[in-house]
PDB file of N, CA and C in Angstrom:
ATOM      1  N   MET A   1      34.692  -2.465 -73.034  1.00  0.00           N
ATOM      2  CA  MET A   1      33.592  -3.294 -73.896  1.00  0.00           C
ATOM      3  C   MET A   1      32.733  -4.230 -72.933  1.00  0.00           C
ATOM      4  N   GLU A   2      31.490  -4.314 -73.446  1.00  0.00           N
ATOM      5  CA  GLU A   2      30.573  -5.332 -72.701  1.00  0.00           C
ATOM      6  C   GLU A   2      30.298  -6.549 -73.333  1.00  0.00           C
ATOM      7  N   TYR A   3      30.331  -7.540 -72.625  1.00  0.00           N
ATOM      8  CA  TYR A   3      30.126  -8.864 -73.490  1.00  0.00           C
ATOM      9  C   TYR A   3      28.700  -9.390 -72.940  1.00  0.00           C
ATOM     10  N   LYS A   4      28.170 -10.153 -74.261  1.00  0.00           N
ATOM     11  CA  LYS A   4      26.927 -11.165 -73.835  1.00  0.00           C
ATOM     12  C   LYS A   4      27.330 -12.463 -74.408  1.00  0.00           C
ATOM     13  N   ALA A   5      27.171 -13.316 -73.743  1.00  0.00           N
ATOM     14  CA  ALA A   5      27.447 -14.783 -74.093  1.00  0.00           C
ATOM     15  C   ALA A   5      25.914 -15.140 -74.429  1.00  0.00           C
ATOM     16  N   ILE A   6      25.926 -16.376 -75.317  1.00  0.00           N
ATOM     17  CA  ILE A   6      24.715 -16.798 -75.703  1.00  0.00           C
ATOM     18  C   ILE A   6      24.736 -18.243 -75.618  1.00  0.00           C
ATOM     19  N   MET A   7      23.692 -19.057 -75.466  1.00  0.00           N
ATOM     20  CA  MET A   7      23.474 -20.485 -75.614  1.00  0.00           C
ATOM     21  C   MET A   7      24.322 -21.104 -74.266  1.00  0.00           C
ATOM     22  N   ASP A   8      25.231 -22.117 -74.632  1.00  0.00           N
ATOM     23  CA  ASP A   8      26.190 -22.736 -73.793  1.00  0.00           C
ATOM     24  C   ASP A   8      27.641 -22.127 -73.556  1.00  0.00           C
ATOM     25  N   ARG A   9      27.745 -20.752 -74.090  1.00  0.00           N
ATOM     26  CA  ARG A   9      29.062 -20.262 -74.112  1.00  0.00           C
ATOM     27  C   ARG A   9      29.420 -19.399 -72.937  1.00  0.00           C
ATOM     28  N   VAL A  10      30.586 -19.333 -72.471  1.00  0.00           N
ATOM     29  CA  VAL A  10      31.174 -18.457 -71.312  1.00  0.00           C
ATOM     30  C   VAL A  10      32.255 -17.803 -71.775  1.00  0.00           C
ATOM     31  N   ILE A  11      32.314 -16.594 -71.432  1.00  0.00           N
ATOM     32  CA  ILE A  11      33.299 -15.404 -71.685  1.00  0.00           C
ATOM     33  C   ILE A  11      33.895 -15.103 -70.669  1.00  0.00           C
ATOM     34  N   VAL A  12      35.366 -15.206 -70.726  1.00  0.00           N
ATOM     35  CA  VAL A  12      36.383 -15.276 -69.716  1.00  0.00           C
ATOM     36  C   VAL A  12      37.427 -14.353 -70.128  1.00  0.00           C
ATOM     37  N   ARG A  13      37.680 -13.460 -68.821  1.00  0.00           N
ATOM     38  CA  ARG A  13      39.231 -13.017 -68.968  1.00  0.00           C
ATOM     39  C   ARG A  13      40.086 -13.843 -68.407  1.00  0.00           C
ATOM     40  N   VAL A  14      41.169 -13.944 -69.371  1.00  0.00           N
ATOM     41  CA  VAL A  14      42.187 -14.867 -68.948  1.00  0.00           C
ATOM     42  C   VAL A  14      43.091 -14.183 -67.788  1.00  0.00           C
ATOM     43  N   CYS A  15      43.484 -15.164 -66.996  1.00  0.00           N
ATOM     44  CA  CYS A  15      44.419 -14.531 -65.942  1.00  0.00           C
ATOM     45  C   CYS A  15      45.815 -14.173 -66.708  1.00  0.00           C
ATOM     46  N   ASP A  16      46.469 -12.773 -65.960  1.00  0.00           N
ATOM     47  CA  ASP A  16      47.630 -12.307 -66.685  1.00  0.00           C
ATOM     48  C   ASP A  16      48.327 -11.917 -65.383  1.00  0.00           C
ATOM     49  N   GLU A  17      49.435 -11.233 -65.512  1.00  0.00           N
ATOM     50  CA  GLU A  17      50.365 -10.881 -64.763  1.00  0.00           C
ATOM     51  C   GLU A  17      49.747  -9.739 -63.614  1.00  0.00           C
ATOM     52  N   ASN A  18      48.812  -9.031 -63.896  1.00  0.00           N
ATOM     53  CA  ASN A  18      47.862  -8.021 -63.254  1.00  0.00           C
ATOM     54  C   ASN A  18      46.765  -8.701 -62.390  1.00  0.00           C
ATOM     55  N   HIS A  19      46.695  -9.927 -62.622  1.00  0.00           N
ATOM     56  CA  HIS A  19      45.342 -10.636 -61.812  1.00  0.00           C
ATOM     57  C   HIS A  19      45.544 -11.015 -60.393  1.00  0.00           C
ATOM     58  N   LYS A  20      45.011 -10.323 -59.442  1.00  0.00           N
ATOM     59  CA  LYS A  20      45.302 -10.631 -58.117  1.00  0.00           C
ATOM     60  C   LYS A  20      44.427 -11.511 -57.274  1.00  0.00           C
ATOM     61  N   SER A  21      44.402 -12.980 -57.801  1.00  0.00           N
ATOM     62  CA  SER A  21      43.473 -13.873 -57.273  1.00  0.00           C
ATOM     63  C   SER A  21      44.222 -14.692 -55.981  1.00  0.00           C
ATOM     64  N   ALA A  22      43.491 -14.925 -55.147  1.00  0.00           N
ATOM     65  CA  ALA A  22      43.929 -15.672 -53.937  1.00  0.00           C
ATOM     66  C   ALA A  22      44.593 -17.211 -54.245  1.00  0.00           C
ATOM     67  N   LEU A  23      44.304 -17.800 -55.474  1.00  0.00           N
ATOM     68  CA  LEU A  23      44.753 -19.150 -55.642  1.00  0.00           C
ATOM     69  C   LEU A  23      45.873 -19.193 -56.540  1.00  0.00           C
ATOM     70  N   VAL A  24      45.443 -19.452 -57.877  1.00  0.00           N
ATOM     71  CA  VAL A  24      46.660 -19.697 -58.905  1.00  0.00           C
ATOM     72  C   VAL A  24      47.474 -18.469 -59.337  1.00  0.00           C
ATOM     73  N   CYS A  25      46.742 -17.434 -59.538  1.00  0.00           N
ATOM     74  CA  CYS A  25      47.401 -16.518 -60.358  1.00  0.00           C
ATOM     75  C   CYS A  25      48.557 -15.897 -59.835  1.00  0.00           C
ATOM     76  N   ILE A  26      48.741 -15.919 -58.598  1.00  0.00           N
ATOM     77  CA  ILE A  26      49.776 -14.905 -57.711  1.00  0.00           C
ATOM     78  C   ILE A  26      51.004 -15.465 -58.124  1.00  0.00           C
ATOM     79  N   GLU A  27      51.318 -16.828 -58.239  1.00  0.00           N
ATOM     80  CA  GLU A  27      52.602 -17.107 -58.634  1.00  0.00           C
ATOM     81  C   GLU A  27      53.077 -16.899 -59.806  1.00  0.00           C
ATOM     82  N   LYS A  28      52.224 -17.470 -60.938  1.00  0.00           N
ATOM     83  CA  LYS A  28      52.770 -16.962 -62.431  1.00  0.00           C
ATOM     84  C   LYS A  28      51.242 -17.130 -63.300  1.00  0.00           C
ATOM     85  N   PRO A  29      51.239 -16.192 -64.217  1.00  0.00           N
ATOM     86  CA  PRO A  29      49.893 -16.353 -65.042  1.00  0.00           C
ATOM     87  C   PRO A  29      49.847 -17.825 -65.444  1.00  0.00           C
ATOM     88  N   HIS A  30      48.434 -18.157 -65.653  1.00  0.00           N
ATOM     89  CA  HIS A  30      48.225 -19.306 -66.381  1.00  0.00           C
ATOM     90  C   HIS A  30      47.223 -19.062 -67.572  1.00  0.00           C
ATOM     91  N   LYS A  31      47.407 -19.810 -68.676  1.00  0.00           N
ATOM     92  CA  LYS A  31      46.456 -19.407 -69.982  1.00  0.00           C
ATOM     93  C   LYS A  31      45.145 -20.152 -69.769  1.00  0.00           C
ATOM     94  N   ASN A  32      44.854 -21.000 -68.900  1.00  0.00           N
ATOM     95  CA  ASN A  32      43.797 -21.833 -68.831  1.00  0.00           C
ATOM     96  C   ASN A  32      43.121 -21.576 -67.404  1.00  0.00           C
ATOM     97  N   VAL A  33      43.176 -20.186 -66.850  1.00  0.00           N
ATOM     98  CA  VAL A  33      42.414 -19.915 -65.551  1.00  0.00           C
ATOM     99  C   VAL A  33      42.015 -18.296 -65.968  1.00  0.00           C
ATOM    100  N   GLY A  34      40.951 -18.108 -65.493  1.00  0.00           N
ATOM    101  CA  GLY A  34      40.278 -16.773 -65.670  1.00  0.00           C
ATOM    102  C   GLY A  34      39.103 -16.666 -65.036  1.00  0.00           C
ATOM    103  N   VAL A  35      38.493 -15.323 -65.216  1.00  0.00           N
ATOM    104  CA  VAL A  35      37.190 -14.822 -64.504  1.00  0.00           C
ATOM    105  C   VAL A  35      36.274 -14.838 -65.401  1.00  0.00           C
ATOM    106  N   VAL A  36      35.115 -15.339 -65.052  1.00  0.00           N
ATOM    107  CA  VAL A  36      33.917 -15.086 -65.836  1.00  0.00           C
ATOM    108  C   VAL A  36      33.335 -13.979 -66.156  1.00  0.00           C
ATOM    109  N   LEU A  37      32.986 -13.375 -67.225  1.00  0.00           N
ATOM    110  CA  LEU A  37      32.401 -12.017 -67.529  1.00  0.00           C
ATOM    111  C   LEU A  37      31.038 -12.064 -67.897  1.00  0.00           C
ATOM    112  N   SER A  38      30.736 -13.215 -68.776  1.00  0.00           N
ATOM    113  CA  SER A  38      29.132 -13.552 -69.080  1.00  0.00           C
ATOM    114  C   SER A  38      29.166 -14.827 -69.308  1.00  0.00           C
ATOM    115  N   VAL A  39      27.717 -15.364 -69.206  1.00  0.00           N
ATOM    116  CA  VAL A  39      27.390 -16.691 -69.141  1.00  0.00           C
ATOM    117  C   VAL A  39      26.051 -16.684 -70.313  1.00  0.00           C
ATOM    118  N   GLY A  40      26.101 -17.643 -71.008  1.00  0.00           N
ATOM    119  CA  GLY A  40      24.672 -17.818 -71.846  1.00  0.00           C
ATOM    120  C   GLY A  40      23.759 -18.335 -71.094  1.00  0.00           C
ATOM    121  N   GLU A  41      22.533 -18.390 -71.724  1.00  0.00           N
ATOM    122  CA  GLU A  41      21.093 -18.870 -70.984  1.00  0.00           C
ATOM    123  C   GLU A  41      21.224 -20.243 -70.811  1.00  0.00           C
ATOM    124  N   ARG A  42      21.799 -21.054 -71.341  1.00  0.00           N
ATOM    125  CA  ARG A  42      22.024 -22.568 -71.152  1.00  0.00           C
ATOM    126  C   ARG A  42      23.092 -23.044 -69.989  1.00  0.00           C
ATOM    127  N   VAL A  43      23.906 -22.171 -69.765  1.00  0.00           N
ATOM    128  CA  VAL A  43      24.790 -22.269 -68.509  1.00  0.00           C
ATOM    129  C   VAL A  43      24.061 -22.469 -67.372  1.00  0.00           C
ATOM    130  N   SER A  44      24.632 -23.570 -66.636  1.00  0.00           N
ATOM    131  CA  SER A  44      23.900 -23.848 -65.353  1.00  0.00           C
ATOM    132  C   SER A  44      24.762 -23.627 -64.236  1.00  0.00           C
ATOM    133  N   ALA A  45      25.822 -24.138 -64.306  1.00  0.00           N
ATOM    134  CA  ALA A  45      26.872 -24.295 -63.113  1.00  0.00           C
ATOM    135  C   ALA A  45      27.753 -23.272 -62.788  1.00  0.00           C
ATOM    136  N   ILE A  46      27.919 -22.338 -63.524  1.00  0.00           N
ATOM    137  CA  ILE A  46      28.941 -21.003 -63.597  1.00  0.00           C
ATOM    138  C   ILE A  46      28.176 -19.762 -63.770  1.00  0.00           C
ATOM    139  N   LYS A  47      28.715 -18.649 -62.832  1.00  0.00           N
ATOM    140  CA  LYS A  47      27.895 -17.640 -62.780  1.00  0.00           C
ATOM    141  C   LYS A  47      29.226 -16.557 -63.075  1.00  0.00           C
ATOM    142  N   VAL A  48      28.764 -15.172 -63.190  1.00  0.00           N
ATOM    143  CA  VAL A  48      29.648 -14.043 -63.516  1.00  0.00           C
ATOM    144  C   VAL A  48      30.421 -13.807 -62.394  1.00  0.00           C
ATOM    145  N   GLY A  49      31.692 -13.765 -62.423  1.00  0.00           N
ATOM    146  CA  GLY A  49      32.507 -13.600 -61.451  1.00  0.00           C
ATOM    147  C   GLY A  49      33.426 -14.617 -60.850  1.00  0.00           C
ATOM    148  N   ASP A  50      32.790 -16.063 -61.278  1.00  0.00           N
ATOM    149  CA  ASP A  50      33.458 -17.122 -60.792  1.00  0.00           C
ATOM    150  C   ASP A  50      34.798 -17.223 -61.266  1.00  0.00           C
ATOM    151  N   GLU A  51      35.790 -17.511 -60.744  1.00  0.00           N
ATOM    152  CA  GLU A  51      37.276 -17.804 -61.124  1.00  0.00           C
ATOM    153  C   GLU A  51      37.108 -19.335 -61.703  1.00  0.00           C
ATOM    154  N   ILE A  52      37.644 -19.740 -62.788  1.00  0.00           N
ATOM    155  CA  ILE A  52      37.541 -21.028 -63.466  1.00  0.00           C
ATOM    156  C   ILE A  52      38.807 -21.522 -64.003  1.00  0.00           C
ATOM    157  N   ILE A  53      38.926 -22.668 -64.114  1.00  0.00           N
ATOM    158  CA  ILE A  53      40.019 -23.313 -64.868  1.00  0.00           C
ATOM    159  C   ILE A  53      39.313 -24.008 -66.113  1.00  0.00           C
ATOM    160  N   PHE A  54      39.898 -23.896 -67.192  1.00  0.00           N
ATOM    161  CA  PHE A  54      39.188 -24.455 -68.427  1.00  0.00           C
ATOM    162  C   PHE A  54      40.177 -25.164 -69.411  1.00  0.00           C
ATOM    163  N   HIS A  55      39.816 -25.979 -70.173  1.00  0.00           N
ATOM    164  CA  HIS A  55      40.451 -26.656 -71.190  1.00  0.00           C
ATOM    165  C   HIS A  55      41.196 -25.707 -72.103  1.00  0.00           C
ATOM    166  N   GLN A  56      42.639 -25.776 -72.050  1.00  0.00           N
ATOM    167  CA  GLN A  56      43.505 -24.644 -72.769  1.00  0.00           C
ATOM    168  C   GLN A  56      42.935 -24.533 -74.203  1.00  0.00           C
ATOM    169  N   PHE A  57      42.888 -25.558 -74.971  1.00  0.00           N
ATOM    170  CA  PHE A  57      42.755 -25.563 -76.291  1.00  0.00           C
ATOM    171  C   PHE A  57      41.209 -25.402 -76.972  1.00  0.00           C
ATOM    172  N   ASP A  58      40.230 -25.006 -76.033  1.00  0.00           N
ATOM    173  CA  ASP A  58      38.816 -25.055 -76.498  1.00  0.00           C
ATOM    174  C   ASP A  58      38.482 -23.496 -76.660  1.00  0.00           C
ATOM    175  N   GLU A  59      39.525 -22.597 -76.607  1.00  0.00           N
ATOM    176  CA  GLU A  59      39.054 -21.255 -76.319  1.00  0.00           C
ATOM    177  C   GLU A  59      39.094 -20.526 -77.776  1.00  0.00           C
ATOM    178  N   LEU A  60      38.250 -19.521 -77.778  1.00  0.00           N
ATOM    179  CA  LEU A  60      38.325 -18.829 -79.195  1.00  0.00           C
ATOM    180  C   LEU A  60      38.461 -17.311 -78.613  1.00  0.00           C
ATOM    181  N   PRO A  61      39.645 -16.716 -79.106  1.00  0.00           N
ATOM    182  CA  PRO A  61      39.901 -15.398 -78.618  1.00  0.00           C
ATOM    183  C   PRO A  61      39.040 -14.291 -79.241  1.00  0.00           C
ATOM    184  N   LEU A  62      38.675 -13.286 -78.521  1.00  0.00           N
ATOM    185  CA  LEU A  62      38.074 -12.268 -79.044  1.00  0.00           C
ATOM    186  C   LEU A  62      38.843 -10.980 -79.332  1.00  0.00           C
ATOM    187  N   GLY A  63      38.419 -10.081 -79.822  1.00  0.00           N
ATOM    188  CA  GLY A  63      39.137  -8.895 -80.223  1.00  0.00           C
ATOM    189  C   GLY A  63      40.173  -8.293 -79.046  1.00  0.00           C
ATOM    190  N   GLN A  64      39.639  -8.190 -77.869  1.00  0.00           N
ATOM    191  CA  GLN A  64      40.269  -7.711 -76.822  1.00  0.00           C
ATOM    192  C   GLN A  64      41.373  -8.643 -76.118  1.00  0.00           C
ATOM    193  N   LYS A  65      42.481  -8.205 -75.836  1.00  0.00           N
ATOM    194  CA  LYS A  65      43.464  -9.252 -75.340  1.00  0.00           C
ATOM    195  C   LYS A  65      43.061  -9.827 -74.037  1.00  0.00           C
ATOM    196  N   ASN A  66      43.414 -10.926 -73.908  1.00  0.00           N
ATOM    197  CA  ASN A  66      43.018 -11.843 -72.570  1.00  0.00           C
ATOM    198  C   ASN A  66      41.633 -12.115 -72.474  1.00  0.00           C
ATOM    199  N   VAL A  67      40.827 -12.086 -73.527  1.00  0.00           N
ATOM    200  CA  VAL A  67      39.359 -12.340 -73.348  1.00  0.00           C
ATOM    201  C   VAL A  67      39.128 -13.300 -74.403  1.00  0.00           C
ATOM    202  N   VAL A  68      38.388 -14.531 -73.881  1.00  0.00           N
ATOM    203  CA  VAL A  68      38.144 -15.683 -74.758  1.00  0.00           C
ATOM    204  C   VAL A  68      36.567 -16.136 -74.575  1.00  0.00           C
ATOM    205  N   VAL A  69      36.065 -16.650 -75.664  1.00  0.00           N
ATOM    206  CA  VAL A  69      34.960 -17.573 -75.486  1.00  0.00           C
ATOM    207  C   VAL A  69      35.069 -19.076 -75.523  1.00  0.00           C
ATOM    208  N   ILE A  70      34.400 -19.723 -74.383  1.00  0.00           N
ATOM    209  CA  ILE A  70      34.638 -21.151 -74.404  1.00  0.00           C
ATOM    210  C   ILE A  70      33.146 -21.692 -74.146  1.00  0.00           C
ATOM    211  N   ARG A  71      32.923 -23.087 -74.319  1.00  0.00           N
ATOM    212  CA  ARG A  71      31.813 -23.796 -73.870  1.00  0.00           C
ATOM    213  C   ARG A  71      31.775 -24.174 -72.448  1.00  0.00           C
ATOM    214  N   GLU A  72      30.573 -24.232 -71.949  1.00  0.00           N
ATOM    215  CA  GLU A  72      30.471 -24.465 -70.508  1.00  0.00           C
ATOM    216  C   GLU A  72      31.083 -25.929 -70.339  1.00  0.00           C
ATOM    217  N   LYS A  73      31.044 -26.684 -71.465  1.00  0.00           N
ATOM    218  CA  LYS A  73      31.568 -28.215 -71.067  1.00  0.00           C
ATOM    219  C   LYS A  73      33.260 -28.060 -71.029  1.00  0.00           C
ATOM    220  N   SER A  74      33.633 -27.070 -71.529  1.00  0.00           N
ATOM    221  CA  SER A  74      35.400 -26.912 -71.549  1.00  0.00           C
ATOM    222  C   SER A  74      35.625 -26.459 -70.012  1.00  0.00           C
ATOM    223  N   VAL A  75      34.901 -26.259 -69.217  1.00  0.00           N
ATOM    224  CA  VAL A  75      35.152 -25.779 -67.743  1.00  0.00           C
ATOM    225  C   VAL A  75      35.299 -26.993 -67.159  1.00  0.00           C
ATOM    226  N   LEU A  76      36.716 -26.987 -66.296  1.00  0.00           N
ATOM    227  CA  LEU A  76      37.056 -28.082 -65.869  1.00  0.00           C
ATOM    228  C   LEU A  76      36.786 -28.009 -64.301  1.00  0.00           C
ATOM    229  N   GLY A  77      36.718 -26.803 -63.880  1.00  0.00           N
ATOM    230  CA  GLY A  77      36.157 -26.442 -62.388  1.00  0.00           C
ATOM    231  C   GLY A  77      36.207 -25.028 -61.885  1.00  0.00           C
ATOM    232  N   ILE A  78      35.560 -24.844 -60.909  1.00  0.00           N
ATOM    233  CA  ILE A  78      35.474 -23.399 -60.329  1.00  0.00           C
ATOM    234  C   ILE A  78      36.336 -23.459 -58.999  1.00  0.00           C
ATOM    235  N   LEU A  79      37.207 -22.590 -59.255  1.00  0.00           N
ATOM    236  CA  LEU A  79      38.416 -22.487 -58.143  1.00  0.00           C
ATOM    237  C   LEU A  79      37.864 -21.496 -56.834  1.00  0.00           C
ATOM    238  N   GLY A  80      38.042 -22.061 -55.659  1.00  0.00           N
ATOM    239  CA  GLY A  80      37.989 -21.318 -54.368  1.00  0.00           C
ATOM    240  C   GLY A  80      36.632 -21.750 -53.854  1.00  0.00           C
ATOM    241  N   LYS A  81      35.826 -22.811 -54.597  1.00  0.00           N
ATOM    242  CA  LYS A  81      34.382 -23.313 -54.230  1.00  0.00           C
ATOM    243  C   LYS A  81      34.644 -24.587 -53.608  1.00  0.00           C
ATOM    244  N   GLN A  82      33.716 -24.898 -52.657  1.00  0.00           N
ATOM    245  CA  GLN A  82      33.934 -26.404 -52.141  1.00  0.00           C
ATOM    246  C   GLN A  82      32.609 -27.023 -52.114  1.00  0.00           C
TER     247      GLN A  82
END
């Protein structure tokens, strides 16, 4: 399924046991870490493919397992960037 975020929204695939990231997800899955699938036109600091950590209770689940929608302001950081 293809996703298209709008406005200040970010669509994220949440980290699970199959996620092979270099940082957080290898040890155990985290419900507030994921990979960005789509960003809305008002999102400025995040791009598709970024691995992010976000506020866990701000997400809205979509129909597909492990995919959520959040607002850009709920993103706490981009992992692996300096």
